[in-house]
N, C-alpha and C. Protein backbone atom coordinates (compact mmCIF):
# COMPACT_ATOMS: atom_id res chain seq x y z
N MET A 1 -14.05 20.57 92.32
CA MET A 1 -13.18 19.88 93.03
C MET A 1 -13.63 18.69 93.94
N ILE A 2 -13.15 17.54 93.89
CA ILE A 2 -13.75 16.21 94.77
C ILE A 2 -12.92 16.47 95.79
N THR A 3 -14.09 16.42 96.75
CA THR A 3 -13.63 16.46 98.20
C THR A 3 -14.00 15.02 98.76
N ASP A 4 -14.79 14.16 98.39
CA ASP A 4 -15.11 12.79 99.31
C ASP A 4 -14.02 11.66 98.64
N ARG A 5 -13.21 11.50 99.73
CA ARG A 5 -12.34 10.73 99.59
C ARG A 5 -12.74 8.97 99.84
N SER A 6 -13.67 8.67 99.81
CA SER A 6 -14.00 7.36 100.21
C SER A 6 -13.83 6.44 99.01
N PRO A 7 -13.74 5.23 98.94
CA PRO A 7 -13.53 4.41 97.99
C PRO A 7 -14.94 4.33 97.33
N VAL A 8 -14.81 4.52 95.64
CA VAL A 8 -15.81 4.51 94.86
C VAL A 8 -15.90 3.11 94.37
N PRO A 9 -16.93 2.37 94.16
CA PRO A 9 -16.94 1.12 93.60
C PRO A 9 -16.60 1.25 92.30
N VAL A 10 -15.86 0.45 91.49
CA VAL A 10 -15.27 0.65 90.20
C VAL A 10 -15.84 -0.56 89.59
N ARG A 11 -16.69 -0.27 88.36
CA ARG A 11 -17.00 -1.57 87.65
C ARG A 11 -15.48 -2.23 87.34
N GLN A 12 -15.79 -3.45 86.80
CA GLN A 12 -14.94 -4.11 86.26
C GLN A 12 -15.09 -4.44 84.55
N PRO A 13 -13.85 -4.59 84.20
CA PRO A 13 -13.92 -5.07 82.59
C PRO A 13 -14.87 -5.92 82.47
N ALA A 14 -15.41 -6.83 82.79
CA ALA A 14 -16.34 -7.92 82.50
C ALA A 14 -17.62 -7.32 82.63
N ASP A 15 -17.87 -6.40 83.45
CA ASP A 15 -19.12 -5.71 83.36
C ASP A 15 -19.64 -4.83 82.17
N LEU A 16 -18.25 -4.44 81.46
CA LEU A 16 -18.69 -3.37 80.46
C LEU A 16 -18.48 -4.11 79.07
N ALA A 17 -17.83 -5.19 79.11
CA ALA A 17 -17.48 -5.90 78.21
C ALA A 17 -18.63 -6.23 77.13
N GLY A 18 -19.72 -6.54 77.88
CA GLY A 18 -20.85 -6.85 77.01
C GLY A 18 -20.35 -8.29 76.14
N PRO A 19 -21.46 -8.70 75.18
CA PRO A 19 -21.34 -10.09 74.67
C PRO A 19 -20.46 -9.77 73.62
N GLY A 20 -19.53 -10.66 73.52
CA GLY A 20 -18.37 -10.93 72.21
C GLY A 20 -17.18 -9.96 72.44
N LYS A 21 -17.09 -9.06 73.56
CA LYS A 21 -15.98 -8.23 73.76
C LYS A 21 -14.93 -8.54 74.81
N SER A 22 -13.97 -9.08 74.51
CA SER A 22 -13.06 -9.81 75.28
C SER A 22 -12.38 -8.72 76.20
N ALA A 23 -11.67 -9.46 77.55
CA ALA A 23 -11.54 -8.43 78.73
C ALA A 23 -10.20 -7.97 78.19
N ASP A 24 -9.54 -8.55 77.04
CA ASP A 24 -8.11 -8.30 76.50
C ASP A 24 -8.41 -6.99 75.44
N ALA A 25 -9.67 -6.68 75.21
CA ALA A 25 -9.75 -5.88 73.97
C ALA A 25 -9.53 -4.19 74.27
N PHE A 26 -9.54 -3.65 73.21
CA PHE A 26 -9.20 -2.12 73.69
C PHE A 26 -10.36 -1.59 73.94
N ARG A 27 -10.43 -0.35 74.62
CA ARG A 27 -11.16 0.35 75.04
C ARG A 27 -11.62 1.52 74.98
N THR A 28 -12.74 2.35 74.18
CA THR A 28 -12.94 3.63 73.91
C THR A 28 -12.82 4.37 75.26
N ILE A 29 -12.66 5.88 75.02
CA ILE A 29 -12.69 6.73 76.32
C ILE A 29 -14.00 6.70 76.86
N SER A 30 -15.26 6.62 76.28
CA SER A 30 -16.21 6.57 76.72
C SER A 30 -16.49 5.30 77.59
N GLU A 31 -15.48 4.18 77.06
CA GLU A 31 -15.99 2.81 78.18
C GLU A 31 -15.11 2.97 79.58
N VAL A 32 -13.88 3.38 79.09
CA VAL A 32 -13.02 3.66 80.23
C VAL A 32 -13.28 4.63 81.42
N SER A 33 -13.84 5.64 80.79
CA SER A 33 -14.56 6.70 81.81
C SER A 33 -15.66 6.01 82.47
N ASP A 34 -16.58 5.67 81.83
CA ASP A 34 -17.80 4.74 82.59
C ASP A 34 -17.29 3.54 83.51
N GLU A 35 -16.37 2.62 83.15
CA GLU A 35 -15.55 1.61 83.78
C GLU A 35 -14.80 2.28 85.26
N ILE A 36 -14.08 3.36 85.19
CA ILE A 36 -13.35 3.76 86.50
C ILE A 36 -13.91 5.14 87.01
N ASP A 37 -15.24 5.50 86.62
CA ASP A 37 -15.91 6.58 87.05
C ASP A 37 -15.20 7.98 86.89
N VAL A 38 -14.24 8.08 85.95
CA VAL A 38 -13.83 9.06 85.71
C VAL A 38 -14.30 9.88 84.61
N PRO A 39 -14.51 11.43 84.47
CA PRO A 39 -15.20 11.91 83.28
C PRO A 39 -14.02 11.83 82.22
N GLN A 40 -14.44 12.05 80.97
CA GLN A 40 -13.52 11.96 79.83
C GLN A 40 -12.64 13.25 79.64
N HIS A 41 -12.95 13.94 80.10
CA HIS A 41 -12.12 15.31 79.92
C HIS A 41 -11.09 15.05 81.30
N VAL A 42 -10.99 14.62 81.85
CA VAL A 42 -10.31 14.07 83.01
C VAL A 42 -9.10 13.26 82.62
N LEU A 43 -9.56 12.14 81.89
CA LEU A 43 -8.68 11.30 81.05
C LEU A 43 -8.02 11.90 80.29
N ARG A 44 -8.41 12.73 79.41
CA ARG A 44 -7.64 13.30 78.31
C ARG A 44 -6.30 14.49 79.25
N PHE A 45 -6.93 15.06 80.51
CA PHE A 45 -5.75 16.01 81.26
C PHE A 45 -5.02 15.04 81.83
N TRP A 46 -5.34 13.72 82.29
CA TRP A 46 -4.17 12.84 82.91
C TRP A 46 -3.12 12.55 81.78
N GLU A 47 -3.56 12.32 80.46
CA GLU A 47 -2.80 12.10 79.66
C GLU A 47 -1.64 13.02 79.09
N THR A 48 -2.03 14.77 79.65
CA THR A 48 -1.04 15.49 79.38
C THR A 48 -0.16 15.16 80.79
N LYS A 49 -0.60 14.81 81.79
CA LYS A 49 0.28 14.76 83.09
C LYS A 49 0.96 13.66 83.48
N PHE A 50 0.60 12.52 82.66
CA PHE A 50 1.04 11.16 82.78
C PHE A 50 1.70 10.78 81.61
N PRO A 51 3.06 10.89 81.30
CA PRO A 51 3.37 10.42 79.80
C PRO A 51 3.15 8.86 79.60
N GLN A 52 2.97 8.09 81.06
CA GLN A 52 2.98 6.47 80.87
C GLN A 52 1.29 6.13 80.19
N ILE A 53 0.38 7.23 80.14
CA ILE A 53 -0.44 6.78 79.56
C ILE A 53 -0.54 7.23 78.08
N ASN A 54 -0.70 6.11 77.43
CA ASN A 54 -0.47 6.23 75.83
C ASN A 54 -1.48 5.95 74.95
N PRO A 55 -2.64 6.05 74.93
CA PRO A 55 -3.49 5.26 74.14
C PRO A 55 -3.71 5.41 72.83
N LEU A 56 -4.03 4.39 72.16
CA LEU A 56 -3.49 4.20 70.73
C LEU A 56 -4.76 5.46 69.94
N LYS A 57 -4.34 6.43 68.91
CA LYS A 57 -5.24 7.25 68.53
C LYS A 57 -5.14 7.07 67.25
N ARG A 58 -6.84 6.84 66.77
CA ARG A 58 -7.19 6.60 65.22
C ARG A 58 -7.50 7.97 64.73
N GLY A 59 -8.01 7.75 63.30
CA GLY A 59 -8.53 9.04 62.94
C GLY A 59 -9.39 9.58 63.46
N GLY A 60 -9.42 10.77 63.27
CA GLY A 60 -10.54 11.85 64.08
C GLY A 60 -10.02 11.98 65.45
N GLY A 61 -8.68 11.36 65.70
CA GLY A 61 -8.41 11.57 67.20
C GLY A 61 -8.99 10.86 68.35
N ARG A 62 -10.07 9.53 67.85
CA ARG A 62 -10.37 8.81 68.85
C ARG A 62 -9.39 7.88 69.65
N ARG A 63 -9.82 7.88 71.04
CA ARG A 63 -8.74 7.26 71.91
C ARG A 63 -8.99 5.68 71.84
N TYR A 64 -7.66 4.76 72.01
CA TYR A 64 -8.46 3.37 72.54
C TYR A 64 -7.07 2.84 73.58
N TYR A 65 -7.69 2.47 74.56
CA TYR A 65 -6.88 2.30 75.84
C TYR A 65 -6.90 0.94 75.66
N GLN A 66 -5.72 0.30 75.65
CA GLN A 66 -5.28 -1.10 76.05
C GLN A 66 -5.42 -1.50 77.50
N PRO A 67 -5.58 -2.61 77.99
CA PRO A 67 -6.06 -3.31 78.98
C PRO A 67 -4.76 -2.80 80.10
N ASP A 68 -3.51 -2.80 79.76
CA ASP A 68 -2.60 -1.78 80.83
C ASP A 68 -2.60 -0.75 81.02
N ASP A 69 -3.16 0.13 80.27
CA ASP A 69 -3.68 1.52 80.32
C ASP A 69 -4.69 1.56 81.18
N VAL A 70 -5.58 1.10 81.09
CA VAL A 70 -6.71 1.00 81.82
C VAL A 70 -6.57 0.57 83.75
N LYS A 71 -5.63 -0.32 83.80
CA LYS A 71 -4.82 -0.55 84.89
C LYS A 71 -4.35 0.44 85.43
N LEU A 72 -3.46 1.22 84.72
CA LEU A 72 -2.70 2.19 85.32
C LEU A 72 -3.74 3.37 85.38
N LEU A 73 -4.41 3.49 84.76
CA LEU A 73 -5.68 4.44 85.02
C LEU A 73 -6.17 4.41 86.52
N ARG A 74 -6.56 3.28 86.67
CA ARG A 74 -7.33 2.89 88.05
C ARG A 74 -6.57 3.14 89.16
N ARG A 75 -5.23 2.98 88.93
CA ARG A 75 -4.18 3.01 90.01
C ARG A 75 -4.12 4.35 90.19
N ILE A 76 -3.96 5.44 89.41
CA ILE A 76 -3.97 6.51 89.38
C ILE A 76 -4.86 7.30 90.02
N ARG A 77 -6.38 6.93 89.75
CA ARG A 77 -7.41 7.31 89.83
C ARG A 77 -7.56 6.92 91.73
N HIS A 78 -7.03 5.63 92.09
CA HIS A 78 -6.91 5.27 93.51
C HIS A 78 -6.07 6.27 94.45
N TRP A 79 -4.83 6.62 93.75
CA TRP A 79 -3.93 7.30 94.40
C TRP A 79 -4.32 8.56 94.36
N LEU A 80 -5.09 9.39 93.53
CA LEU A 80 -5.56 10.79 93.62
C LEU A 80 -6.52 10.89 94.41
N TYR A 81 -7.79 9.94 94.18
CA TYR A 81 -9.27 10.48 95.12
C TYR A 81 -9.14 9.37 96.16
N VAL A 82 -8.54 8.27 96.49
CA VAL A 82 -8.53 7.81 97.89
C VAL A 82 -7.74 7.79 98.63
N GLU A 83 -6.41 7.84 98.16
CA GLU A 83 -5.20 8.08 98.88
C GLU A 83 -4.89 9.49 99.28
N GLY A 84 -5.65 10.34 98.43
CA GLY A 84 -5.34 11.75 98.53
C GLY A 84 -3.84 12.23 98.09
N TYR A 85 -3.27 11.47 97.42
CA TYR A 85 -2.07 12.05 96.86
C TYR A 85 -2.21 13.53 95.43
N THR A 86 -1.31 14.09 95.25
CA THR A 86 -1.42 15.09 94.32
C THR A 86 -0.84 14.70 93.06
N ILE A 87 -1.21 15.21 91.92
CA ILE A 87 -0.89 14.89 90.58
C ILE A 87 0.62 14.57 90.60
N ARG A 88 1.53 15.51 91.17
CA ARG A 88 3.09 15.57 91.29
C ARG A 88 3.41 14.37 92.18
N GLY A 89 2.38 13.96 93.51
CA GLY A 89 2.65 13.03 94.34
C GLY A 89 2.92 11.47 93.13
N VAL A 90 1.79 11.60 92.43
CA VAL A 90 1.58 10.34 91.52
C VAL A 90 2.76 10.24 90.73
N GLN A 91 3.20 11.44 90.09
CA GLN A 91 4.29 11.34 88.96
C GLN A 91 5.39 10.90 89.78
N ARG A 92 5.69 11.25 90.86
CA ARG A 92 6.77 10.49 91.68
C ARG A 92 6.73 9.03 91.65
N LEU A 93 5.45 8.63 92.44
CA LEU A 93 4.98 7.34 92.43
C LEU A 93 5.40 6.56 91.28
N LEU A 94 5.15 7.24 90.45
CA LEU A 94 5.17 6.35 88.87
C LEU A 94 6.52 6.29 88.32
N LYS A 95 7.34 7.39 88.50
CA LYS A 95 8.89 7.71 88.19
C LYS A 95 9.24 6.58 89.16
N GLU A 96 9.37 6.38 90.33
CA GLU A 96 10.00 5.34 91.12
C GLU A 96 9.50 3.90 90.74
N GLY A 97 8.65 3.92 89.89
CA GLY A 97 8.44 2.50 89.40
C GLY A 97 6.77 1.82 90.30
N ALA A 98 6.41 2.61 91.17
CA ALA A 98 5.17 1.89 91.68
C ALA A 98 3.99 1.58 90.41
N GLY A 99 4.07 2.37 89.94
CA GLY A 99 2.97 2.16 88.83
C GLY A 99 3.16 0.58 87.98
N ARG A 100 4.07 0.05 87.90
CA ARG A 100 4.35 -1.23 87.24
C ARG A 100 4.15 -2.37 88.05
N SER A 101 3.64 -2.25 89.34
CA SER A 101 3.55 -3.38 90.22
C SER A 101 1.70 -3.22 90.61
N SER A 102 0.94 -4.49 90.39
CA SER A 102 -0.28 -4.41 90.40
C SER A 102 -0.33 -4.31 92.08
N ALA A 103 0.53 -4.82 92.90
CA ALA A 103 0.50 -4.51 94.34
C ALA A 103 0.44 -2.83 94.50
N ALA A 104 1.01 -2.26 93.84
CA ALA A 104 1.12 -0.79 94.19
C ALA A 104 -0.40 -0.08 94.43
N ALA A 105 -1.42 -0.40 93.87
CA ALA A 105 -2.63 0.38 94.18
C ALA A 105 -3.18 0.35 95.70
N GLY A 106 -2.23 -0.53 96.56
CA GLY A 106 -2.25 -0.95 98.03
C GLY A 106 -1.40 0.30 98.61
N VAL A 107 -0.48 1.12 97.92
CA VAL A 107 0.48 1.45 98.43
C VAL A 107 0.01 2.73 99.18
N SER A 108 0.42 3.22 100.41
CA SER A 108 0.27 4.11 101.52
C SER A 108 0.83 5.33 101.24
N LYS A 109 0.25 6.62 101.42
CA LYS A 109 0.77 7.50 101.21
C LYS A 109 2.23 7.81 102.31
N GLY A 110 3.13 8.30 101.74
CA GLY A 110 4.03 8.35 102.65
C GLY A 110 5.40 9.07 102.03
N ALA A 111 6.41 9.11 102.39
CA ALA A 111 7.91 10.04 102.16
C ALA A 111 7.63 10.30 100.83
N GLY A 112 7.16 9.45 99.57
CA GLY A 112 7.23 9.75 98.23
C GLY A 112 6.14 10.89 97.85
N ASP A 113 5.60 11.36 98.62
CA ASP A 113 4.34 12.32 98.38
C ASP A 113 4.90 13.64 99.17
N ALA A 114 5.87 13.48 100.22
CA ALA A 114 5.98 14.49 100.95
C ALA A 114 7.38 15.37 100.57
N PRO A 115 7.34 16.76 100.62
CA PRO A 115 8.26 17.56 100.20
C PRO A 115 9.67 16.97 100.98
N GLU A 116 10.90 17.12 100.28
CA GLU A 116 11.98 16.66 100.93
C GLU A 116 12.57 18.02 101.65
N SER A 117 12.42 19.07 101.33
CA SER A 117 12.81 20.13 101.87
C SER A 117 12.08 21.41 101.99
N THR A 118 12.14 22.47 102.51
CA THR A 118 11.41 23.82 102.44
C THR A 118 11.63 24.07 100.84
N GLY A 119 12.87 23.94 100.35
CA GLY A 119 12.89 24.14 98.76
C GLY A 119 12.02 23.67 98.00
N ASP A 120 11.62 22.46 97.98
CA ASP A 120 10.68 21.51 97.44
C ASP A 120 9.13 21.85 97.69
N LEU A 121 9.09 22.26 99.09
CA LEU A 121 7.83 22.79 99.22
C LEU A 121 7.38 24.15 98.47
N VAL A 122 8.18 24.90 98.28
CA VAL A 122 8.08 26.04 97.74
C VAL A 122 8.01 25.91 96.03
N GLU A 123 8.77 24.84 95.46
CA GLU A 123 8.91 24.89 94.28
C GLU A 123 7.38 24.09 94.02
N ASP A 124 6.86 22.98 94.99
CA ASP A 124 5.59 22.55 94.87
C ASP A 124 4.58 23.77 94.66
N LEU A 125 4.68 24.60 95.68
CA LEU A 125 3.43 25.79 95.84
C LEU A 125 3.73 26.57 94.50
N ARG A 126 4.90 27.01 93.88
CA ARG A 126 5.06 27.70 92.88
C ARG A 126 4.18 27.15 91.49
N ASN A 127 4.41 25.69 91.22
CA ASN A 127 4.02 24.98 90.23
C ASN A 127 2.32 24.97 90.64
N VAL A 128 1.97 24.82 91.82
CA VAL A 128 0.44 24.89 92.09
C VAL A 128 -0.10 26.36 91.32
N LEU A 129 0.48 27.28 91.88
CA LEU A 129 0.43 28.81 91.49
C LEU A 129 0.32 28.80 89.82
N ASP A 130 1.40 28.43 89.22
CA ASP A 130 1.44 28.44 87.95
C ASP A 130 0.08 27.52 87.19
N ASP A 131 -0.04 26.47 87.74
CA ASP A 131 -1.46 25.94 87.43
C ASP A 131 -2.39 26.48 87.22
N LEU A 132 -2.97 27.14 88.81
CA LEU A 132 -3.87 27.98 88.93
C LEU A 132 -3.88 29.18 88.24
N GLU A 133 -2.91 29.79 87.82
CA GLU A 133 -2.89 31.26 86.65
C GLU A 133 -3.15 30.57 85.47
N ALA A 134 -2.98 29.61 85.09
CA ALA A 134 -3.04 29.12 83.78
C ALA A 134 -4.66 28.72 83.53
N LEU A 135 -4.85 28.12 84.53
CA LEU A 135 -6.71 28.01 84.66
C LEU A 135 -7.35 29.10 84.51
N ARG A 136 -7.03 30.00 85.39
CA ARG A 136 -7.76 31.53 85.26
C ARG A 136 -7.55 31.91 83.79
N ALA A 137 -6.39 32.15 83.37
CA ALA A 137 -6.47 32.73 81.72
C ALA A 137 -7.21 31.72 81.02
N GLU A 138 -7.26 30.58 81.04
CA GLU A 138 -8.19 29.91 80.21
C GLU A 138 -9.56 30.11 80.50
N LEU A 139 -10.15 30.37 81.92
CA LEU A 139 -11.45 30.51 82.15
C LEU A 139 -11.67 32.13 81.75
N ARG A 140 -10.83 32.84 81.46
CA ARG A 140 -11.10 34.39 81.30
C ARG A 140 -11.17 34.40 79.59
N ARG A 141 -10.24 33.65 78.57
CA ARG A 141 -10.57 33.20 77.35
C ARG A 141 -12.07 32.67 77.05
N ARG A 142 -12.27 31.74 77.76
CA ARG A 142 -13.57 30.87 77.61
C ARG A 142 -14.85 31.88 77.66
N LEU A 143 -14.67 32.60 79.29
CA LEU A 143 -16.13 33.15 79.72
C LEU A 143 -15.97 34.61 78.97
N PRO A 144 -17.38 35.05 78.82
CA PRO A 144 -17.31 36.28 78.39
C PRO A 144 -16.99 37.65 79.22
């Protein structure tokens, strides 16, 4: 679990593009992982939680991210790691259209991430419990 919420310097596409690779070029999951400082398995997990992330998949399941996908991933990373949003909070932001604006990376945490009622809080807690139980089951399957 990441507890440090301080901003982490993110390398710009030009830093990674290297000679001959345009800033508009597609990126592999490895390049995106390095660029935004998020492990590859987290990027794959985010694809399951955010349908807006839709890399092109080629033979063997290789992923290629478009520049817009990388921008969205940067915003998601910012909201989760810097602003302290939950996955559900970021899903709400994206649903409300905040993911489409380049200015959205500066969105502060507000009512969009807060439960609207006790019922919403209970639902959020149940979802967290479901996620934790699924993780526990997965760990039990993988560990002896």
